[in-house]
Amino acid sequence: MSPHNASQMTWHSKERVDDGLIRHPVDSPAWKMFDKKYPEFGCESRNVRLGLASDRFNPFRTMTISHSTWPVVLIPYNLPPWLCMKQPSFILSILIDGPKAPGDKIDVYLQLLIDELKDL
């Protein structure tokens, strides 16, 4: 929505130094494999690439209570490395709360997120 943010979202294709070292997710074999598999997506540098991370924590800070909370965080990989992995860039998309871990049923929670990302 702002020209400054838009220019940072295309940093990975215009301003990065390609010296063979892995300094950013764009340098990884997974990024290159994805571009090979989906060339129509990879040819447009403005397409948003997201990483998804989740991990359990106990909100009550005691191990005697079995309650758990699972935040699901999206990380925009298009940004430069000095912004990509910084907290202001993280998107808290889902907070799975319950007495037990979602386990194999986490896909039920993620389906809503996937549907929204497809619409986006």
PDB file of N, CA and C in Angstrom:
ATOM      1  N   MET A   1       0.804  -1.193   0.000  1.00  0.00           N
ATOM      2  CA  MET A   1       0.000   0.000   0.000  1.00  0.00           C
ATOM      3  C   MET A   1       0.851   1.262   0.000  1.00  0.00           C
ATOM      4  N   SER A   2       2.134   1.101   0.291  1.00  0.00           N
ATOM      5  CA  SER A   2       3.010   2.269   0.218  1.00  0.00           C
ATOM      6  C   SER A   2       4.163   1.958  -0.728  1.00  0.00           C
ATOM      7  N   PRO A   3       4.642   2.970  -1.435  1.00  0.00           N
ATOM      8  CA  PRO A   3       5.764   2.748  -2.376  1.00  0.00           C
ATOM      9  C   PRO A   3       7.010   2.218  -1.679  1.00  0.00           C
ATOM     10  N   HIS A   4       7.257   2.653  -0.440  1.00  0.00           N
ATOM     11  CA  HIS A   4       8.440   2.186   0.294  1.00  0.00           C
ATOM     12  C   HIS A   4       8.342   0.686   0.576  1.00  0.00           C
ATOM     13  N   ASN A   5       7.197   0.234   1.067  1.00  0.00           N
ATOM     14  CA  ASN A   5       7.015  -1.191   1.340  1.00  0.00           C
ATOM     15  C   ASN A   5       7.041  -2.009   0.049  1.00  0.00           C
ATOM     16  N   ALA A   6       6.468  -1.472  -1.011  1.00  0.00           N
ATOM     17  CA  ALA A   6       6.457  -2.186  -2.295  1.00  0.00           C
ATOM     18  C   ALA A   6       7.868  -2.390  -2.822  1.00  0.00           C
ATOM     19  N   SER A   7       8.727  -1.383  -2.680  1.00  0.00           N
ATOM     20  CA  SER A   7      10.108  -1.533  -3.159  1.00  0.00           C
ATOM     21  C   SER A   7      10.867  -2.543  -2.308  1.00  0.00           C
ATOM     22  N   GLN A   8      10.552  -2.621  -1.008  1.00  0.00           N
ATOM     23  CA  GLN A   8      11.220  -3.605  -0.158  1.00  0.00           C
ATOM     24  C   GLN A   8      10.750  -5.028  -0.472  1.00  0.00           C
ATOM     25  N   MET A   9       9.515  -5.186  -0.925  1.00  0.00           N
ATOM     26  CA  MET A   9       8.993  -6.514  -1.241  1.00  0.00           C
ATOM     27  C   MET A   9       9.623  -7.089  -2.509  1.00  0.00           C
ATOM     28  N   THR A  10      10.240  -6.264  -3.323  1.00  0.00           N
ATOM     29  CA  THR A  10      10.919  -6.763  -4.527  1.00  0.00           C
ATOM     30  C   THR A  10      12.445  -6.735  -4.376  1.00  0.00           C
ATOM     31  N   TRP A  11      12.925  -6.479  -3.167  1.00  0.00           N
ATOM     32  CA  TRP A  11      14.365  -6.419  -2.909  1.00  0.00           C
ATOM     33  C   TRP A  11      15.071  -7.690  -3.348  1.00  0.00           C
ATOM     34  N   HIS A  12      14.460  -8.835  -3.107  1.00  0.00           N
ATOM     35  CA  HIS A  12      15.101 -10.120  -3.378  1.00  0.00           C
ATOM     36  C   HIS A  12      15.447 -10.317  -4.848  1.00  0.00           C
ATOM     37  N   SER A  13      14.759  -9.620  -5.745  1.00  0.00           N
ATOM     38  CA  SER A  13      15.061  -9.801  -7.168  1.00  0.00           C
ATOM     39  C   SER A  13      15.870  -8.654  -7.757  1.00  0.00           C
ATOM     40  N   LYS A  14      15.856  -7.487  -7.117  1.00  0.00           N
ATOM     41  CA  LYS A  14      16.511  -6.318  -7.710  1.00  0.00           C
ATOM     42  C   LYS A  14      17.811  -5.916  -7.038  1.00  0.00           C
ATOM     43  N   GLU A  15      17.909  -6.083  -5.732  1.00  0.00           N
ATOM     44  CA  GLU A  15      19.042  -5.490  -5.027  1.00  0.00           C
ATOM     45  C   GLU A  15      19.963  -6.477  -4.323  1.00  0.00           C
ATOM     46  N   ARG A  16      19.604  -7.722  -4.233  1.00  0.00           N
ATOM     47  CA  ARG A  16      20.450  -8.652  -3.484  1.00  0.00           C
ATOM     48  C   ARG A  16      21.719  -8.990  -4.266  1.00  0.00           C
ATOM     49  N   VAL A  17      22.745  -9.359  -3.547  1.00  0.00           N
ATOM     50  CA  VAL A  17      24.009  -9.762  -4.144  1.00  0.00           C
ATOM     51  C   VAL A  17      23.986 -11.282  -4.276  1.00  0.00           C
ATOM     52  N   ASP A  18      24.132 -11.782  -5.484  1.00  0.00           N
ATOM     53  CA  ASP A  18      24.143 -13.227  -5.722  1.00  0.00           C
ATOM     54  C   ASP A  18      25.585 -13.699  -5.792  1.00  0.00           C
ATOM     55  N   ASP A  19      26.151 -14.033  -4.627  1.00  0.00           N
ATOM     56  CA  ASP A  19      27.548 -14.441  -4.557  1.00  0.00           C
ATOM     57  C   ASP A  19      27.722 -15.920  -4.212  1.00  0.00           C
ATOM     58  N   GLY A  20      26.625 -16.688  -4.291  1.00  0.00           N
ATOM     59  CA  GLY A  20      26.704 -18.116  -4.018  1.00  0.00           C
ATOM     60  C   GLY A  20      26.534 -18.490  -2.554  1.00  0.00           C
ATOM     61  N   LEU A  21      26.506 -17.507  -1.665  1.00  0.00           N
ATOM     62  CA  LEU A  21      26.302 -17.765  -0.247  1.00  0.00           C
ATOM     63  C   LEU A  21      24.819 -17.657   0.090  1.00  0.00           C
ATOM     64  N   ILE A  22      24.397 -18.398   1.092  1.00  0.00           N
ATOM     65  CA  ILE A  22      23.001 -18.326   1.511  1.00  0.00           C
ATOM     66  C   ILE A  22      22.882 -17.235   2.574  1.00  0.00           C
ATOM     67  N   ARG A  23      22.373 -16.091   2.146  1.00  0.00           N
ATOM     68  CA  ARG A  23      22.192 -14.950   3.037  1.00  0.00           C
ATOM     69  C   ARG A  23      20.724 -14.627   3.248  1.00  0.00           C
ATOM     70  N   HIS A  24      19.869 -15.234   2.447  1.00  0.00           N
ATOM     71  CA  HIS A  24      18.440 -14.920   2.433  1.00  0.00           C
ATOM     72  C   HIS A  24      17.731 -16.160   1.901  1.00  0.00           C
ATOM     73  N   PRO A  25      16.449 -16.359   2.221  1.00  0.00           N
ATOM     74  CA  PRO A  25      15.735 -17.527   1.684  1.00  0.00           C
ATOM     75  C   PRO A  25      15.762 -17.631   0.149  1.00  0.00           C
ATOM     76  N   VAL A  26      15.925 -16.514  -0.559  1.00  0.00           N
ATOM     77  CA  VAL A  26      15.989 -16.563  -2.023  1.00  0.00           C
ATOM     78  C   VAL A  26      17.218 -17.347  -2.508  1.00  0.00           C
ATOM     79  N   ASP A  27      18.249 -17.452  -1.682  1.00  0.00           N
ATOM     80  CA  ASP A  27      19.464 -18.171  -2.044  1.00  0.00           C
ATOM     81  C   ASP A  27      19.365 -19.675  -1.796  1.00  0.00           C
ATOM     82  N   SER A  28      18.295 -20.113  -1.186  1.00  0.00           N
ATOM     83  CA  SER A  28      18.168 -21.524  -0.801  1.00  0.00           C
ATOM     84  C   SER A  28      17.770 -22.404  -1.984  1.00  0.00           C
ATOM     85  N   PRO A  29      18.127 -23.669  -1.928  1.00  0.00           N
ATOM     86  CA  PRO A  29      17.717 -24.602  -2.980  1.00  0.00           C
ATOM     87  C   PRO A  29      16.189 -24.749  -3.055  1.00  0.00           C
ATOM     88  N   ALA A  30      15.497 -24.613  -1.936  1.00  0.00           N
ATOM     89  CA  ALA A  30      14.037 -24.753  -1.936  1.00  0.00           C
ATOM     90  C   ALA A  30      13.382 -23.643  -2.756  1.00  0.00           C
ATOM     91  N   TRP A  31      13.886 -22.424  -2.658  1.00  0.00           N
ATOM     92  CA  TRP A  31      13.340 -21.299  -3.424  1.00  0.00           C
ATOM     93  C   TRP A  31      13.545 -21.552  -4.916  1.00  0.00           C
ATOM     94  N   LYS A  32      14.745 -22.008  -5.273  1.00  0.00           N
ATOM     95  CA  LYS A  32      15.049 -22.272  -6.679  1.00  0.00           C
ATOM     96  C   LYS A  32      14.229 -23.431  -7.228  1.00  0.00           C
ATOM     97  N   MET A  33      14.019 -24.467  -6.407  1.00  0.00           N
ATOM     98  CA  MET A  33      13.205 -25.596  -6.832  1.00  0.00           C
ATOM     99  C   MET A  33      11.752 -25.163  -7.052  1.00  0.00           C
ATOM    100  N   PHE A  34      11.238 -24.308  -6.172  1.00  0.00           N
ATOM    101  CA  PHE A  34       9.874 -23.810  -6.320  1.00  0.00           C
ATOM    102  C   PHE A  34       9.740 -23.000  -7.610  1.00  0.00           C
ATOM    103  N   ASP A  35      10.750 -22.169  -7.913  1.00  0.00           N
ATOM    104  CA  ASP A  35      10.721 -21.393  -9.158  1.00  0.00           C
ATOM    105  C   ASP A  35      10.740 -22.287 -10.391  1.00  0.00           C
ATOM    106  N   LYS A  36      11.474 -23.396 -10.322  1.00  0.00           N
ATOM    107  CA  LYS A  36      11.496 -24.343 -11.444  1.00  0.00           C
ATOM    108  C   LYS A  36      10.149 -25.028 -11.622  1.00  0.00           C
ATOM    109  N   LYS A  37       9.547 -25.402 -10.498  1.00  0.00           N
ATOM    110  CA  LYS A  37       8.279 -26.133 -10.547  1.00  0.00           C
ATOM    111  C   LYS A  37       7.130 -25.239 -10.973  1.00  0.00           C
ATOM    112  N   TYR A  38       7.160 -23.975 -10.563  1.00  0.00           N
ATOM    113  CA  TYR A  38       6.094 -23.024 -10.893  1.00  0.00           C
ATOM    114  C   TYR A  38       6.710 -21.786 -11.547  1.00  0.00           C
ATOM    115  N   PRO A  39       7.146 -21.892 -12.803  1.00  0.00           N
ATOM    116  CA  PRO A  39       7.847 -20.767 -13.442  1.00  0.00           C
ATOM    117  C   PRO A  39       6.975 -19.524 -13.610  1.00  0.00           C
ATOM    118  N   GLU A  40       5.666 -19.700 -13.788  1.00  0.00           N
ATOM    119  CA  GLU A  40       4.793 -18.537 -13.938  1.00  0.00           C
ATOM    120  C   GLU A  40       4.698 -17.732 -12.633  1.00  0.00           C
ATOM    121  N   PHE A  41       4.850 -18.388 -11.505  1.00  0.00           N
ATOM    122  CA  PHE A  41       4.862 -17.694 -10.214  1.00  0.00           C
ATOM    123  C   PHE A  41       6.233 -17.059  -9.981  1.00  0.00           C
ATOM    124  N   GLY A  42       7.282 -17.781 -10.274  1.00  0.00           N
ATOM    125  CA  GLY A  42       8.643 -17.314 -10.011  1.00  0.00           C
ATOM    126  C   GLY A  42       9.092 -16.159 -10.878  1.00  0.00           C
ATOM    127  N   CYS A  43       8.487 -15.997 -12.057  1.00  0.00           N
ATOM    128  CA  CYS A  43       8.943 -14.930 -12.950  1.00  0.00           C
ATOM    129  C   CYS A  43       8.478 -13.549 -12.487  1.00  0.00           C
ATOM    130  N   GLU A  44       7.488 -13.478 -11.625  1.00  0.00           N
ATOM    131  CA  GLU A  44       7.003 -12.187 -11.119  1.00  0.00           C
ATOM    132  C   GLU A  44       7.549 -11.949  -9.711  1.00  0.00           C
ATOM    133  N   SER A  45       8.421 -10.963  -9.560  1.00  0.00           N
ATOM    134  CA  SER A  45       9.075 -10.724  -8.269  1.00  0.00           C
ATOM    135  C   SER A  45       8.129 -10.153  -7.218  1.00  0.00           C
ATOM    136  N   ARG A  46       6.976  -9.644  -7.637  1.00  0.00           N
ATOM    137  CA  ARG A  46       6.028  -9.078  -6.669  1.00  0.00           C
ATOM    138  C   ARG A  46       5.152 -10.130  -6.006  1.00  0.00           C
ATOM    139  N   ASN A  47       5.204 -11.370  -6.478  1.00  0.00           N
ATOM    140  CA  ASN A  47       4.438 -12.433  -5.822  1.00  0.00           C
ATOM    141  C   ASN A  47       4.987 -12.649  -4.421  1.00  0.00           C
ATOM    142  N   VAL A  48       4.069 -12.715  -3.458  1.00  0.00           N
ATOM    143  CA  VAL A  48       4.467 -12.792  -2.055  1.00  0.00           C
ATOM    144  C   VAL A  48       4.780 -14.234  -1.676  1.00  0.00           C
ATOM    145  N   ARG A  49       5.924 -14.415  -1.053  1.00  0.00           N
ATOM    146  CA  ARG A  49       6.345 -15.736  -0.559  1.00  0.00           C
ATOM    147  C   ARG A  49       6.348 -15.678   0.966  1.00  0.00           C
ATOM    148  N   LEU A  50       5.689 -16.665   1.547  1.00  0.00           N
ATOM    149  CA  LEU A  50       5.537 -16.679   2.994  1.00  0.00           C
ATOM    150  C   LEU A  50       6.114 -17.948   3.593  1.00  0.00           C
ATOM    151  N   GLY A  51       6.723 -17.811   4.754  1.00  0.00           N
ATOM    152  CA  GLY A  51       7.123 -18.950   5.556  1.00  0.00           C
ATOM    153  C   GLY A  51       6.117 -19.097   6.678  1.00  0.00           C
ATOM    154  N   LEU A  52       5.873 -20.326   7.096  1.00  0.00           N
ATOM    155  CA  LEU A  52       4.922 -20.581   8.172  1.00  0.00           C
ATOM    156  C   LEU A  52       5.645 -21.297   9.290  1.00  0.00           C
ATOM    157  N   ALA A  53       5.440 -20.827  10.519  1.00  0.00           N
ATOM    158  CA  ALA A  53       6.086 -21.440  11.675  1.00  0.00           C
ATOM    159  C   ALA A  53       5.078 -21.570  12.802  1.00  0.00           C
ATOM    160  N   SER A  54       5.220 -22.635  13.580  1.00  0.00           N
ATOM    161  CA  SER A  54       4.356 -22.839  14.733  1.00  0.00           C
ATOM    162  C   SER A  54       5.124 -23.602  15.802  1.00  0.00           C
ATOM    163  N   ASP A  55       4.841 -23.284  17.034  1.00  0.00           N
ATOM    164  CA  ASP A  55       5.454 -23.994  18.143  1.00  0.00           C
ATOM    165  C   ASP A  55       4.581 -23.814  19.371  1.00  0.00           C
ATOM    166  N   ARG A  56       4.619 -24.782  20.235  1.00  0.00           N
ATOM    167  CA  ARG A  56       3.784 -24.778  21.432  1.00  0.00           C
ATOM    168  C   ARG A  56       4.455 -24.005  22.555  1.00  0.00           C
ATOM    169  N   PHE A  57       3.637 -23.326  23.341  1.00  0.00           N
ATOM    170  CA  PHE A  57       4.125 -22.792  24.601  1.00  0.00           C
ATOM    171  C   PHE A  57       3.012 -22.890  25.634  1.00  0.00           C
ATOM    172  N   ASN A  58       3.415 -22.919  26.871  1.00  0.00           N
ATOM    173  CA  ASN A  58       2.472 -23.022  27.972  1.00  0.00           C
ATOM    174  C   ASN A  58       2.253 -21.621  28.532  1.00  0.00           C
ATOM    175  N   PRO A  59       1.046 -21.053  28.385  1.00  0.00           N
ATOM    176  CA  PRO A  59       0.834 -19.670  28.816  1.00  0.00           C
ATOM    177  C   PRO A  59       0.879 -19.471  30.325  1.00  0.00           C
ATOM    178  N   PHE A  60       0.806 -20.564  31.093  1.00  0.00           N
ATOM    179  CA  PHE A  60       0.774 -20.435  32.538  1.00  0.00           C
ATOM    180  C   PHE A  60       2.143 -20.625  33.196  1.00  0.00           C
ATOM    181  N   ARG A  61       3.174 -20.854  32.391  1.00  0.00           N
ATOM    182  CA  ARG A  61       4.564 -20.988  32.848  1.00  0.00           C
ATOM    183  C   ARG A  61       4.763 -22.076  33.891  1.00  0.00           C
ATOM    184  N   THR A  62       3.971 -23.090  33.827  1.00  0.00           N
ATOM    185  CA  THR A  62       4.151 -24.211  34.740  1.00  0.00           C
ATOM    186  C   THR A  62       3.931 -25.503  33.971  1.00  0.00           C
ATOM    187  N   MET A  63       4.717 -26.471  34.242  1.00  0.00           N
ATOM    188  CA  MET A  63       4.624 -27.732  33.502  1.00  0.00           C
ATOM    189  C   MET A  63       3.573 -28.672  34.094  1.00  0.00           C
ATOM    190  N   THR A  64       2.979 -28.311  35.235  1.00  0.00           N
ATOM    191  CA  THR A  64       1.978 -29.190  35.846  1.00  0.00           C
ATOM    192  C   THR A  64       0.614 -29.054  35.180  1.00  0.00           C
ATOM    193  N   ILE A  65       0.414 -27.986  34.421  1.00  0.00           N
ATOM    194  CA  ILE A  65      -0.848 -27.796  33.696  1.00  0.00           C
ATOM    195  C   ILE A  65      -0.618 -28.211  32.250  1.00  0.00           C
ATOM    196  N   SER A  66      -1.521 -29.025  31.724  1.00  0.00           N
ATOM    197  CA  SER A  66      -1.313 -29.559  30.369  1.00  0.00           C
ATOM    198  C   SER A  66      -1.851 -28.629  29.281  1.00  0.00           C
ATOM    199  N   HIS A  67      -2.301 -27.455  29.627  1.00  0.00           N
ATOM    200  CA  HIS A  67      -2.841 -26.514  28.644  1.00  0.00           C
ATOM    201  C   HIS A  67      -1.722 -26.051  27.702  1.00  0.00           C
ATOM    202  N   SER A  68      -2.046 -25.898  26.429  1.00  0.00           N
ATOM    203  CA  SER A  68      -1.034 -25.435  25.482  1.00  0.00           C
ATOM    204  C   SER A  68      -1.626 -24.424  24.516  1.00  0.00           C
ATOM    205  N   THR A  69      -0.777 -23.570  24.006  1.00  0.00           N
ATOM    206  CA  THR A  69      -1.153 -22.576  23.014  1.00  0.00           C
ATOM    207  C   THR A  69      -0.174 -22.691  21.853  1.00  0.00           C
ATOM    208  N   TRP A  70      -0.709 -22.698  20.641  1.00  0.00           N
ATOM    209  CA  TRP A  70       0.097 -22.845  19.432  1.00  0.00           C
ATOM    210  C   TRP A  70      -0.092 -21.615  18.544  1.00  0.00           C
ATOM    211  N   PRO A  71       0.839 -20.682  18.555  1.00  0.00           N
ATOM    212  CA  PRO A  71       0.752 -19.571  17.603  1.00  0.00           C
ATOM    213  C   PRO A  71       1.230 -20.035  16.223  1.00  0.00           C
ATOM    214  N   VAL A  72       0.526 -19.606  15.200  1.00  0.00           N
ATOM    215  CA  VAL A  72       0.941 -19.881  13.818  1.00  0.00           C
ATOM    216  C   VAL A  72       1.346 -18.539  13.217  1.00  0.00           C
ATOM    217  N   VAL A  73       2.609 -18.425  12.851  1.00  0.00           N
ATOM    218  CA  VAL A  73       3.183 -17.160  12.404  1.00  0.00           C
ATOM    219  C   VAL A  73       3.561 -17.264  10.927  1.00  0.00           C
ATOM    220  N   LEU A  74       3.226 -16.229  10.167  1.00  0.00           N
ATOM    221  CA  LEU A  74       3.651 -16.119   8.775  1.00  0.00           C
ATOM    222  C   LEU A  74       4.793 -15.119   8.687  1.00  0.00           C
ATOM    223  N   ILE A  75       5.800 -15.459   7.886  1.00  0.00           N
ATOM    224  CA  ILE A  75       6.966 -14.599   7.711  1.00  0.00           C
ATOM    225  C   ILE A  75       7.082 -14.263   6.230  1.00  0.00           C
ATOM    226  N   PRO A  76       7.016 -12.983   5.858  1.00  0.00           N
ATOM    227  CA  PRO A  76       7.152 -12.615   4.443  1.00  0.00           C
ATOM    228  C   PRO A  76       8.616 -12.682   4.004  1.00  0.00           C
ATOM    229  N   TYR A  77       8.929 -13.652   3.150  1.00  0.00           N
ATOM    230  CA  TYR A  77      10.300 -13.856   2.711  1.00  0.00           C
ATOM    231  C   TYR A  77      10.748 -12.886   1.622  1.00  0.00           C
ATOM    232  N   ASN A  78       9.851 -12.102   1.072  1.00  0.00           N
ATOM    233  CA  ASN A  78      10.240 -11.153   0.032  1.00  0.00           C
ATOM    234  C   ASN A  78      11.093 -10.011   0.576  1.00  0.00           C
ATOM    235  N   LEU A  79      10.951  -9.712   1.847  1.00  0.00           N
ATOM    236  CA  LEU A  79      11.648  -8.569   2.437  1.00  0.00           C
ATOM    237  C   LEU A  79      13.147  -8.804   2.526  1.00  0.00           C
ATOM    238  N   PRO A  80      13.934  -7.729   2.628  1.00  0.00           N
ATOM    239  CA  PRO A  80      15.377  -7.881   2.807  1.00  0.00           C
ATOM    240  C   PRO A  80      15.688  -8.585   4.127  1.00  0.00           C
ATOM    241  N   PRO A  81      16.877  -9.174   4.255  1.00  0.00           N
ATOM    242  CA  PRO A  81      17.200  -9.942   5.458  1.00  0.00           C
ATOM    243  C   PRO A  81      17.139  -9.133   6.750  1.00  0.00           C
ATOM    244  N   TRP A  82      17.424  -7.846   6.691  1.00  0.00           N
ATOM    245  CA  TRP A  82      17.391  -7.040   7.907  1.00  0.00           C
ATOM    246  C   TRP A  82      15.956  -6.737   8.353  1.00  0.00           C
ATOM    247  N   LEU A  83      14.959  -7.077   7.528  1.00  0.00           N
ATOM    248  CA  LEU A  83      13.553  -6.913   7.906  1.00  0.00           C
ATOM    249  C   LEU A  83      12.798  -8.234   7.965  1.00  0.00           C
ATOM    250  N   CYS A  84      13.231  -9.176   7.162  1.00  0.00           N
ATOM    251  CA  CYS A  84      12.526 -10.450   6.992  1.00  0.00           C
ATOM    252  C   CYS A  84      12.289 -11.184   8.300  1.00  0.00           C
ATOM    253  N   MET A  85      13.298 -11.293   9.130  1.00  0.00           N
ATOM    254  CA  MET A  85      13.210 -12.075  10.361  1.00  0.00           C
ATOM    255  C   MET A  85      13.089 -11.211  11.608  1.00  0.00           C
ATOM    256  N   LYS A  86      12.585 -10.016  11.464  1.00  0.00           N
ATOM    257  CA  LYS A  86      12.379  -9.137  12.608  1.00  0.00           C
ATOM    258  C   LYS A  86      10.916  -9.199  13.036  1.00  0.00           C
ATOM    259  N   GLN A  87      10.678  -9.058  14.319  1.00  0.00           N
ATOM    260  CA  GLN A  87       9.341  -9.209  14.885  1.00  0.00           C
ATOM    261  C   GLN A  87       8.270  -8.317  14.237  1.00  0.00           C
ATOM    262  N   PRO A  88       8.544  -7.060  13.874  1.00  0.00           N
ATOM    263  CA  PRO A  88       7.491  -6.260  13.245  1.00  0.00           C
ATOM    264  C   PRO A  88       6.992  -6.825  11.909  1.00  0.00           C
ATOM    265  N   SER A  89       7.787  -7.673  11.274  1.00  0.00           N
ATOM    266  CA  SER A  89       7.378  -8.259   9.999  1.00  0.00           C
ATOM    267  C   SER A  89       6.558  -9.532  10.164  1.00  0.00           C
ATOM    268  N   PHE A  90       6.571 -10.124  11.336  1.00  0.00           N
ATOM    269  CA  PHE A  90       5.839 -11.372  11.561  1.00  0.00           C
ATOM    270  C   PHE A  90       4.338 -11.105  11.560  1.00  0.00           C
ATOM    271  N   ILE A  91       3.590 -12.050  11.044  1.00  0.00           N
ATOM    272  CA  ILE A  91       2.141 -11.955  11.004  1.00  0.00           C
ATOM    273  C   ILE A  91       1.576 -13.094  11.840  1.00  0.00           C
ATOM    274  N   LEU A  92       0.987 -12.763  12.974  1.00  0.00           N
ATOM    275  CA  LEU A  92       0.344 -13.781  13.803  1.00  0.00           C
ATOM    276  C   LEU A  92      -1.007 -14.074  13.176  1.00  0.00           C
ATOM    277  N   SER A  93      -1.114 -15.211  12.496  1.00  0.00           N
ATOM    278  CA  SER A  93      -2.318 -15.506  11.725  1.00  0.00           C
ATOM    279  C   SER A  93      -3.335 -16.330  12.496  1.00  0.00           C
ATOM    280  N   ILE A  94      -2.881 -17.248  13.329  1.00  0.00           N
ATOM    281  CA  ILE A  94      -3.782 -18.116  14.090  1.00  0.00           C
ATOM    282  C   ILE A  94      -3.183 -18.311  15.484  1.00  0.00           C
ATOM    283  N   LEU A  95      -4.049 -18.401  16.460  1.00  0.00           N
ATOM    284  CA  LEU A  95      -3.646 -18.753  17.822  1.00  0.00           C
ATOM    285  C   LEU A  95      -4.512 -19.930  18.240  1.00  0.00           C
ATOM    286  N   ILE A  96      -3.932 -21.126  18.218  1.00  0.00           N
ATOM    287  CA  ILE A  96      -4.666 -22.350  18.552  1.00  0.00           C
ATOM    288  C   ILE A  96      -4.516 -22.570  20.049  1.00  0.00           C
ATOM    289  N   ASP A  97      -5.629 -22.518  20.740  1.00  0.00           N
ATOM    290  CA  ASP A  97      -5.618 -22.598  22.190  1.00  0.00           C
ATOM    291  C   ASP A  97      -6.437 -23.806  22.630  1.00  0.00           C
ATOM    292  N   GLY A  98      -5.940 -24.538  23.593  1.00  0.00           N
ATOM    293  CA  GLY A  98      -6.710 -25.673  24.064  1.00  0.00           C
ATOM    294  C   GLY A  98      -6.006 -26.460  25.141  1.00  0.00           C
ATOM    295  N   PRO A  99      -6.720 -27.413  25.703  1.00  0.00           N
ATOM    296  CA  PRO A  99      -6.119 -28.216  26.765  1.00  0.00           C
ATOM    297  C   PRO A  99      -5.041 -29.172  26.255  1.00  0.00           C
ATOM    298  N   LYS A 100      -5.083 -29.491  24.964  1.00  0.00           N
ATOM    299  CA  LYS A 100      -4.100 -30.409  24.383  1.00  0.00           C
ATOM    300  C   LYS A 100      -3.574 -29.837  23.078  1.00  0.00           C
ATOM    301  N   ALA A 101      -2.461 -30.372  22.635  1.00  0.00           N
ATOM    302  CA  ALA A 101      -1.882 -29.966  21.356  1.00  0.00           C
ATOM    303  C   ALA A 101      -2.782 -30.421  20.212  1.00  0.00           C
ATOM    304  N   PRO A 102      -2.816 -29.663  19.099  1.00  0.00           N
ATOM    305  CA  PRO A 102      -3.665 -30.058  17.974  1.00  0.00           C
ATOM    306  C   PRO A 102      -3.206 -31.343  17.286  1.00  0.00           C
ATOM    307  N   GLY A 103      -1.910 -31.660  17.402  1.00  0.00           N
ATOM    308  CA  GLY A 103      -1.398 -32.903  16.812  1.00  0.00           C
ATOM    309  C   GLY A 103      -1.681 -32.997  15.323  1.00  0.00           C
ATOM    310  N   ASP A 104      -2.189 -34.151  14.888  1.00  0.00           N
ATOM    311  CA  ASP A 104      -2.471 -34.382  13.477  1.00  0.00           C
ATOM    312  C   ASP A 104      -3.649 -33.554  12.978  1.00  0.00           C
ATOM    313  N   LYS A 105      -4.412 -32.981  13.872  1.00  0.00           N
ATOM    314  CA  LYS A 105      -5.593 -32.204  13.501  1.00  0.00           C
ATOM    315  C   LYS A 105      -5.261 -30.737  13.209  1.00  0.00           C
ATOM    316  N   ILE A 106      -3.988 -30.381  13.196  1.00  0.00           N
ATOM    317  CA  ILE A 106      -3.618 -28.984  12.945  1.00  0.00           C
ATOM    318  C   ILE A 106      -4.054 -28.537  11.554  1.00  0.00           C
ATOM    319  N   ASP A 107      -4.175 -29.482  10.624  1.00  0.00           N
ATOM    320  CA  ASP A 107      -4.605 -29.121   9.276  1.00  0.00           C
ATOM    321  C   ASP A 107      -6.015 -28.541   9.253  1.00  0.00           C
ATOM    322  N   VAL A 108      -6.860 -28.905  10.217  1.00  0.00           N
ATOM    323  CA  VAL A 108      -8.204 -28.336  10.300  1.00  0.00           C
ATOM    324  C   VAL A 108      -8.106 -26.837  10.572  1.00  0.00           C
ATOM    325  N   TYR A 109      -7.201 -26.447  11.461  1.00  0.00           N
ATOM    326  CA  TYR A 109      -7.007 -25.034  11.766  1.00  0.00           C
ATOM    327  C   TYR A 109      -6.347 -24.299  10.596  1.00  0.00           C
ATOM    328  N   LEU A 110      -5.393 -24.947   9.957  1.00  0.00           N
ATOM    329  CA  LEU A 110      -4.661 -24.301   8.868  1.00  0.00           C
ATOM    330  C   LEU A 110      -5.496 -24.149   7.609  1.00  0.00           C
ATOM    331  N   GLN A 111      -6.537 -24.951   7.444  1.00  0.00           N
ATOM    332  CA  GLN A 111      -7.353 -24.880   6.232  1.00  0.00           C
ATOM    333  C   GLN A 111      -7.983 -23.504   6.059  1.00  0.00           C
ATOM    334  N   LEU A 112      -8.447 -22.900   7.145  1.00  0.00           N
ATOM    335  CA  LEU A 112      -9.025 -21.552   7.062  1.00  0.00           C
ATOM    336  C   LEU A 112      -7.976 -20.546   6.602  1.00  0.00           C
ATOM    337  N   LEU A 113      -6.760 -20.657   7.114  1.00  0.00           N
ATOM    338  CA  LEU A 113      -5.671 -19.773   6.700  1.00  0.00           C
ATOM    339  C   LEU A 113      -5.349 -19.978   5.231  1.00  0.00           C
ATOM    340  N   ILE A 114      -5.287 -21.214   4.795  1.00  0.00           N
ATOM    341  CA  ILE A 114      -4.982 -21.517   3.393  1.00  0.00           C
ATOM    342  C   ILE A 114      -6.050 -20.929   2.484  1.00  0.00           C
ATOM    343  N   ASP A 115      -7.310 -21.069   2.871  1.00  0.00           N
ATOM    344  CA  ASP A 115      -8.397 -20.497   2.066  1.00  0.00           C
ATOM    345  C   ASP A 115      -8.272 -18.987   1.959  1.00  0.00           C
ATOM    346  N   GLU A 116      -7.937 -18.318   3.053  1.00  0.00           N
ATOM    347  CA  GLU A 116      -7.769 -16.863   3.020  1.00  0.00           C
ATOM    348  C   GLU A 116      -6.586 -16.460   2.160  1.00  0.00           C
ATOM    349  N   LEU A 117      -5.476 -17.211   2.247  1.00  0.00           N
ATOM    350  CA  LEU A 117      -4.312 -16.884   1.428  1.00  0.00           C
ATOM    351  C   LEU A 117      -4.594 -17.092  -0.056  1.00  0.00           C
ATOM    352  N   LYS A 118      -5.382 -18.080  -0.391  1.00  0.00           N
ATOM    353  CA  LYS A 118      -5.758 -18.292  -1.795  1.00  0.00           C
ATOM    354  C   LYS A 118      -6.592 -17.130  -2.299  1.00  0.00           C
ATOM    355  N   ASP A 119      -7.506 -16.616  -1.465  1.00  0.00           N
ATOM    356  CA  ASP A 119      -8.303 -15.457  -1.856  1.00  0.00           C
ATOM    357  C   ASP A 119      -7.433 -14.223  -2.025  1.00  0.00           C
ATOM    358  N   LEU A 120      -6.438 -14.099  -1.151  1.00  0.00           N
ATOM    359  CA  LEU A 120      -5.540 -12.943  -1.217  1.00  0.00           C
ATOM    360  C   LEU A 120      -4.773 -12.932  -2.524  1.00  0.00           C
TER     361      LEU A 120
END
